[in-house]
N, C-alpha and C. Protein backbone atom coordinates (compact mmCIF):
# COMPACT_ATOMS: atom_id res chain seq x y z
N MET A 1 -105.20 59.36 -7.03
CA MET A 1 -103.89 58.87 -8.04
C MET A 1 -104.24 59.25 -9.65
N LEU A 2 -103.38 59.06 -10.32
CA LEU A 2 -103.37 58.87 -11.53
C LEU A 2 -104.27 58.07 -12.47
N ARG A 3 -104.89 58.36 -12.81
CA ARG A 3 -105.33 57.63 -13.89
C ARG A 3 -105.49 57.34 -15.30
N LEU A 4 -104.10 56.00 -15.69
CA LEU A 4 -104.27 56.43 -17.15
C LEU A 4 -104.48 55.02 -17.79
N PRO A 5 -104.43 54.77 -19.04
CA PRO A 5 -104.73 53.23 -19.99
C PRO A 5 -103.12 52.66 -19.78
N GLU A 6 -102.79 51.51 -19.49
CA GLU A 6 -102.24 50.53 -19.77
C GLU A 6 -100.87 50.61 -20.88
N SER A 7 -101.59 51.14 -21.13
CA SER A 7 -100.83 51.20 -22.48
C SER A 7 -100.02 52.35 -22.31
N VAL A 8 -99.99 53.72 -21.40
CA VAL A 8 -98.93 54.81 -21.46
C VAL A 8 -98.34 54.48 -21.26
N ARG A 9 -96.84 55.03 -21.48
CA ARG A 9 -95.35 54.74 -20.80
C ARG A 9 -94.87 56.48 -20.01
N ILE A 10 -94.13 56.29 -18.69
CA ILE A 10 -94.46 57.44 -18.58
C ILE A 10 -92.26 57.50 -18.18
N PHE A 11 -91.87 58.86 -19.53
CA PHE A 11 -91.06 59.05 -19.69
C PHE A 11 -90.01 60.36 -18.94
N VAL A 12 -88.87 59.76 -17.73
CA VAL A 12 -88.66 60.70 -16.94
C VAL A 12 -87.24 61.07 -17.70
N ALA A 13 -86.67 62.41 -18.31
CA ALA A 13 -85.44 62.57 -19.18
C ALA A 13 -84.40 63.26 -18.31
N SER A 14 -83.89 62.53 -17.78
CA SER A 14 -82.13 62.30 -17.44
C SER A 14 -81.47 63.66 -16.10
N HIS A 15 -81.29 64.65 -17.74
CA HIS A 15 -80.79 66.27 -17.56
C HIS A 15 -82.24 66.78 -17.83
N PRO A 16 -81.80 68.10 -17.29
CA PRO A 16 -82.02 69.31 -16.29
C PRO A 16 -82.33 69.97 -18.14
N THR A 17 -83.75 70.50 -17.39
CA THR A 17 -84.57 71.12 -19.14
C THR A 17 -85.02 72.62 -18.69
N ASP A 18 -83.76 73.10 -19.88
CA ASP A 18 -84.37 75.04 -20.16
C ASP A 18 -86.35 74.56 -19.83
N MET A 19 -86.62 75.27 -19.06
CA MET A 19 -88.14 75.72 -18.20
C MET A 19 -89.38 76.73 -19.63
N ARG A 20 -87.27 77.27 -20.24
CA ARG A 20 -88.68 78.29 -21.39
C ARG A 20 -88.85 77.69 -22.55
N LYS A 21 -88.69 76.57 -22.54
CA LYS A 21 -89.65 75.15 -24.01
C LYS A 21 -90.73 75.23 -23.27
N GLN A 22 -91.78 75.37 -24.22
CA GLN A 22 -93.26 75.14 -24.94
C GLN A 22 -92.38 73.28 -25.56
N ALA A 23 -94.22 73.73 -25.53
CA ALA A 23 -94.35 72.01 -26.73
C ALA A 23 -93.54 71.88 -28.21
N ASP A 24 -93.39 72.59 -28.73
CA ASP A 24 -92.21 72.63 -29.64
C ASP A 24 -91.29 71.90 -29.34
N GLY A 25 -90.62 72.73 -28.44
CA GLY A 25 -88.88 72.74 -27.76
C GLY A 25 -88.78 71.08 -26.87
N LEU A 26 -90.34 70.95 -26.09
CA LEU A 26 -90.34 69.43 -25.65
C LEU A 26 -90.10 68.63 -26.77
N SER A 27 -91.28 68.82 -27.34
CA SER A 27 -91.23 67.57 -28.47
C SER A 27 -90.01 67.30 -29.31
N ALA A 28 -89.35 68.22 -29.84
CA ALA A 28 -88.03 68.20 -29.93
C ALA A 28 -86.68 67.35 -29.76
N LEU A 29 -87.26 67.34 -27.88
CA LEU A 29 -86.24 66.62 -27.19
C LEU A 29 -86.64 65.84 -26.75
N VAL A 30 -87.35 65.06 -27.16
CA VAL A 30 -88.30 63.94 -26.70
C VAL A 30 -88.01 62.66 -28.14
N LYS A 31 -87.39 63.91 -29.53
CA LYS A 31 -87.56 62.73 -30.55
C LYS A 31 -85.82 62.95 -30.54
N GLY A 32 -85.31 63.87 -30.60
CA GLY A 32 -83.73 63.68 -30.20
C GLY A 32 -82.96 63.53 -28.91
N VAL A 33 -83.27 63.51 -28.37
CA VAL A 33 -82.61 63.05 -26.36
C VAL A 33 -83.42 61.79 -26.04
N LEU A 34 -84.39 61.41 -26.19
CA LEU A 34 -84.87 60.65 -25.61
C LEU A 34 -85.08 59.29 -26.76
N GLY A 35 -85.22 60.12 -27.58
CA GLY A 35 -85.34 58.72 -29.17
C GLY A 35 -86.97 58.22 -28.98
N GLU A 36 -87.60 59.22 -28.96
CA GLU A 36 -89.63 58.65 -28.37
C GLU A 36 -90.05 60.16 -29.81
N GLU A 37 -91.01 58.80 -29.88
CA GLU A 37 -92.40 59.26 -30.96
C GLU A 37 -92.94 60.79 -30.06
N PRO A 38 -93.33 61.91 -29.71
CA PRO A 38 -93.57 62.48 -28.50
C PRO A 38 -95.64 62.44 -29.20
N ARG A 39 -95.64 62.04 -30.30
CA ARG A 39 -97.05 61.74 -30.92
C ARG A 39 -97.88 60.64 -29.76
N SER A 40 -96.86 59.95 -29.35
CA SER A 40 -97.25 58.78 -29.02
C SER A 40 -98.62 58.32 -28.06
N GLY A 41 -98.82 59.48 -27.38
CA GLY A 41 -99.59 59.58 -25.92
C GLY A 41 -99.42 59.03 -24.97
N HIS A 42 -97.58 58.99 -25.09
CA HIS A 42 -96.92 58.51 -23.89
C HIS A 42 -97.39 59.73 -22.73
N LEU A 43 -96.30 59.87 -21.93
CA LEU A 43 -96.09 61.19 -20.80
C LEU A 43 -94.31 61.12 -21.10
N PHE A 44 -94.02 62.50 -20.96
CA PHE A 44 -92.65 62.65 -20.90
C PHE A 44 -92.40 63.75 -20.36
N VAL A 45 -91.58 63.60 -19.05
CA VAL A 45 -91.74 64.75 -17.78
C VAL A 45 -90.23 65.45 -18.05
N PHE A 46 -90.13 66.36 -17.36
CA PHE A 46 -88.64 67.22 -17.94
C PHE A 46 -88.64 67.96 -16.29
N PHE A 47 -86.91 68.61 -15.74
CA PHE A 47 -87.05 68.79 -14.86
C PHE A 47 -86.13 69.99 -15.25
N ASN A 48 -86.65 71.14 -14.20
CA ASN A 48 -85.40 72.75 -14.17
C ASN A 48 -84.02 71.56 -14.11
N ARG A 49 -83.20 72.01 -13.75
CA ARG A 49 -82.00 72.37 -13.30
C ARG A 49 -82.14 72.68 -11.41
N GLY A 50 -82.43 73.28 -11.19
CA GLY A 50 -83.21 73.51 -9.36
C GLY A 50 -83.84 73.10 -9.22
N ARG A 51 -84.62 71.42 -9.69
CA ARG A 51 -85.76 70.48 -9.21
C ARG A 51 -87.15 71.12 -9.01
N ASP A 52 -87.26 72.92 -9.26
CA ASP A 52 -88.14 72.73 -8.63
C ASP A 52 -89.28 73.53 -9.29
N MET A 53 -88.80 73.05 -10.26
CA MET A 53 -90.52 72.85 -11.54
C MET A 53 -90.67 71.88 -12.76
N LEU A 54 -90.92 71.59 -12.92
CA LEU A 54 -91.45 70.22 -14.02
C LEU A 54 -92.54 71.03 -14.72
N ARG A 55 -92.03 70.02 -16.03
CA ARG A 55 -93.41 69.41 -17.00
C ARG A 55 -93.73 68.76 -17.84
N ILE A 56 -94.72 68.46 -17.95
CA ILE A 56 -95.29 67.11 -18.27
C ILE A 56 -95.98 67.37 -19.80
N LEU A 57 -95.46 66.61 -20.50
CA LEU A 57 -95.21 66.92 -22.19
C LEU A 57 -96.28 65.23 -22.49
N PHE A 58 -97.46 65.54 -23.63
CA PHE A 58 -98.17 64.57 -24.00
C PHE A 58 -98.95 65.12 -25.20
N TRP A 59 -99.43 64.17 -25.64
CA TRP A 59 -100.17 63.92 -27.62
C TRP A 59 -101.96 64.35 -27.14
N ASP A 60 -102.72 64.77 -27.54
CA ASP A 60 -104.38 64.35 -26.62
C ASP A 60 -104.81 64.57 -27.90
N THR A 61 -105.62 63.73 -28.74
CA THR A 61 -105.86 63.57 -29.38
C THR A 61 -105.32 64.20 -31.82
N ASN A 62 -105.21 65.35 -30.58
CA ASN A 62 -105.05 66.16 -32.27
C ASN A 62 -103.92 67.33 -31.72
N GLY A 63 -103.20 67.40 -30.19
CA GLY A 63 -102.46 68.67 -30.07
C GLY A 63 -101.61 68.28 -28.95
N TYR A 64 -100.51 68.74 -28.53
CA TYR A 64 -100.00 69.02 -27.29
C TYR A 64 -100.72 69.55 -26.37
N CYS A 65 -100.21 68.58 -25.01
CA CYS A 65 -100.14 68.87 -23.84
C CYS A 65 -99.36 68.86 -22.77
N VAL A 66 -98.90 71.08 -22.64
CA VAL A 66 -98.05 70.82 -21.68
C VAL A 66 -98.67 71.14 -20.14
N VAL A 67 -98.16 70.13 -18.91
CA VAL A 67 -98.90 70.96 -17.58
C VAL A 67 -97.09 70.98 -16.82
N SER A 68 -97.62 71.96 -16.18
CA SER A 68 -96.02 73.04 -15.33
C SER A 68 -96.92 72.81 -14.20
N LYS A 69 -95.50 72.49 -12.98
CA LYS A 69 -95.98 72.47 -11.58
C LYS A 69 -94.04 73.03 -10.88
N ARG A 70 -94.84 74.14 -10.27
CA ARG A 70 -93.58 74.92 -10.26
C ARG A 70 -93.23 75.00 -8.18
N LEU A 71 -92.33 74.33 -7.91
CA LEU A 71 -92.75 74.57 -6.18
C LEU A 71 -92.36 76.20 -5.54
N GLU A 72 -93.16 76.10 -4.24
CA GLU A 72 -92.69 77.46 -3.88
C GLU A 72 -91.81 77.23 -2.82
N GLN A 73 -91.86 76.02 -2.00
CA GLN A 73 -90.80 75.72 -1.63
C GLN A 73 -90.20 74.15 -1.83
N GLY A 74 -89.04 73.48 -1.40
CA GLY A 74 -88.33 72.21 -1.82
C GLY A 74 -88.31 71.97 -3.44
N ARG A 75 -87.74 70.99 -3.33
CA ARG A 75 -87.66 70.38 -4.76
C ARG A 75 -87.79 68.62 -4.84
N PHE A 76 -88.24 68.89 -6.48
CA PHE A 76 -88.90 67.63 -6.66
C PHE A 76 -87.32 65.95 -6.01
N ARG A 77 -88.22 65.17 -6.02
CA ARG A 77 -87.14 63.82 -5.84
C ARG A 77 -87.02 62.93 -7.29
N VAL A 78 -86.01 63.77 -7.77
CA VAL A 78 -86.09 63.08 -9.13
C VAL A 78 -85.53 61.38 -9.15
N PRO A 79 -85.28 60.94 -9.38
CA PRO A 79 -85.73 58.95 -10.01
C PRO A 79 -84.32 59.67 -10.55
N ALA A 80 -83.11 58.47 -9.76
CA ALA A 80 -82.33 58.12 -10.51
C ALA A 80 -81.93 57.70 -11.57
N VAL A 81 -81.08 57.82 -12.13
CA VAL A 81 -80.51 57.26 -13.54
C VAL A 81 -79.56 57.04 -13.79
N ALA A 82 -79.70 55.85 -14.38
CA ALA A 82 -77.79 55.12 -15.10
C ALA A 82 -76.77 56.03 -16.28
N GLU A 83 -75.81 55.56 -15.44
CA GLU A 83 -74.63 56.38 -16.17
C GLU A 83 -75.39 56.22 -18.22
N GLY A 84 -75.49 57.49 -18.48
CA GLY A 84 -75.34 57.58 -20.00
C GLY A 84 -77.22 57.00 -20.89
N GLN A 85 -77.67 57.45 -19.49
CA GLN A 85 -79.09 56.95 -19.78
C GLN A 85 -80.05 58.16 -19.98
N ALA A 86 -80.99 58.56 -20.99
CA ALA A 86 -81.04 59.53 -21.29
C ALA A 86 -82.41 59.62 -20.62
N SER A 87 -83.20 58.50 -20.39
CA SER A 87 -84.58 58.58 -19.39
C SER A 87 -84.41 57.57 -18.55
N VAL A 88 -85.95 57.49 -17.79
CA VAL A 88 -85.70 56.35 -16.72
C VAL A 88 -87.59 55.97 -17.08
N SER A 89 -87.88 55.34 -16.75
CA SER A 89 -89.61 54.67 -16.80
C SER A 89 -90.30 55.01 -15.54
N LEU A 90 -91.12 55.47 -15.40
CA LEU A 90 -91.79 55.85 -14.46
C LEU A 90 -93.19 55.10 -14.26
N THR A 91 -94.03 53.73 -13.20
CA THR A 91 -95.59 53.66 -13.34
C THR A 91 -96.65 54.65 -13.23
N PRO A 92 -97.66 55.13 -12.85
CA PRO A 92 -98.17 56.27 -12.72
C PRO A 92 -98.27 56.30 -11.32
N GLN A 93 -98.62 55.21 -10.19
CA GLN A 93 -98.11 55.30 -8.85
C GLN A 93 -96.75 56.27 -8.72
N GLN A 94 -95.93 56.24 -9.53
CA GLN A 94 -94.38 55.96 -9.20
C GLN A 94 -94.52 58.15 -9.41
N LEU A 95 -95.40 58.67 -10.15
CA LEU A 95 -95.24 59.42 -11.55
C LEU A 95 -96.78 60.53 -9.88
N ALA A 96 -97.06 59.19 -9.24
CA ALA A 96 -98.10 60.12 -8.78
C ALA A 96 -97.68 60.63 -7.02
N GLN A 97 -96.14 59.66 -6.45
CA GLN A 97 -95.71 60.46 -5.69
C GLN A 97 -94.31 61.29 -6.05
N LEU A 98 -94.27 61.27 -7.38
CA LEU A 98 -93.29 62.06 -7.29
C LEU A 98 -93.80 63.45 -7.06
N LEU A 99 -95.02 63.73 -8.13
CA LEU A 99 -95.77 65.31 -7.78
C LEU A 99 -96.33 65.04 -6.21
N SER A 100 -96.63 64.24 -5.60
CA SER A 100 -96.45 64.86 -4.23
C SER A 100 -95.27 64.81 -3.13
N LEU A 101 -93.94 64.23 -2.94
CA LEU A 101 -93.62 64.32 -2.83
C LEU A 101 -92.34 65.18 -2.87
N VAL A 102 -92.07 65.79 -1.12
CA VAL A 102 -90.77 66.95 -2.16
C VAL A 102 -89.75 66.61 -1.02
N GLU A 103 -88.17 67.20 -1.54
CA GLU A 103 -87.54 67.08 -0.31
C GLU A 103 -87.11 68.81 0.59
N ALA A 104 -87.34 68.23 1.39
CA ALA A 104 -87.82 69.81 2.08
C ALA A 104 -86.29 70.24 2.74
N ALA A 105 -85.09 69.41 2.63
CA ALA A 105 -84.19 70.35 3.11
C ALA A 105 -83.55 71.40 2.47
N LYS A 106 -83.18 72.46 2.74
CA LYS A 106 -82.95 73.56 1.99
C LYS A 106 -83.82 73.95 1.85
N ALA A 107 -85.06 73.80 2.15
CA ALA A 107 -86.17 74.61 1.18
C ALA A 107 -86.04 75.70 1.30
N ARG A 108 -86.59 76.86 0.72
CA ARG A 108 -86.37 78.61 1.22
C ARG A 108 -87.27 79.00 0.14
N ARG A 109 -88.55 80.39 1.05
CA ARG A 109 -89.62 80.43 -0.15
C ARG A 109 -88.64 81.53 -0.77
N ARG A 110 -90.14 81.65 -2.11
CA ARG A 110 -89.56 82.33 -3.45
C ARG A 110 -90.09 83.63 -2.86
N ALA A 111 -89.47 84.88 -3.14
CA ALA A 111 -89.35 85.72 -2.78
C ALA A 111 -90.39 86.44 -3.90
N VAL A 112 -90.97 87.19 -3.48
CA VAL A 112 -93.17 87.72 -4.42
C VAL A 112 -92.37 89.31 -4.91
N HIS A 113 -92.63 89.16 -6.01
CA HIS A 113 -92.13 90.63 -6.16
C HIS A 113 -93.59 91.65 -6.28
């Protein structure tokens, strides 16, 4: 279970994100698209178009942290977002579920190079 302070909010971006973006690119999306302050200490979750990779951006005292997860099979169950909404908020429990529950339908293994 994730243990976060009660003051921390979790925002999931509603549109797919280019996963080549690192901390600076993601923080620009937080400001420009989500309308939030990236150095707030909140968590900002981004998915790629295929929903098999996510990045979480947060500010930790003196710098950005970016956490990535790429699935070998399946896709993340991305929460539904209302039309025109830039993000949806989650609880820590919902984020933990999102990180562990995967849609297995149409799952395929990635080719190993």
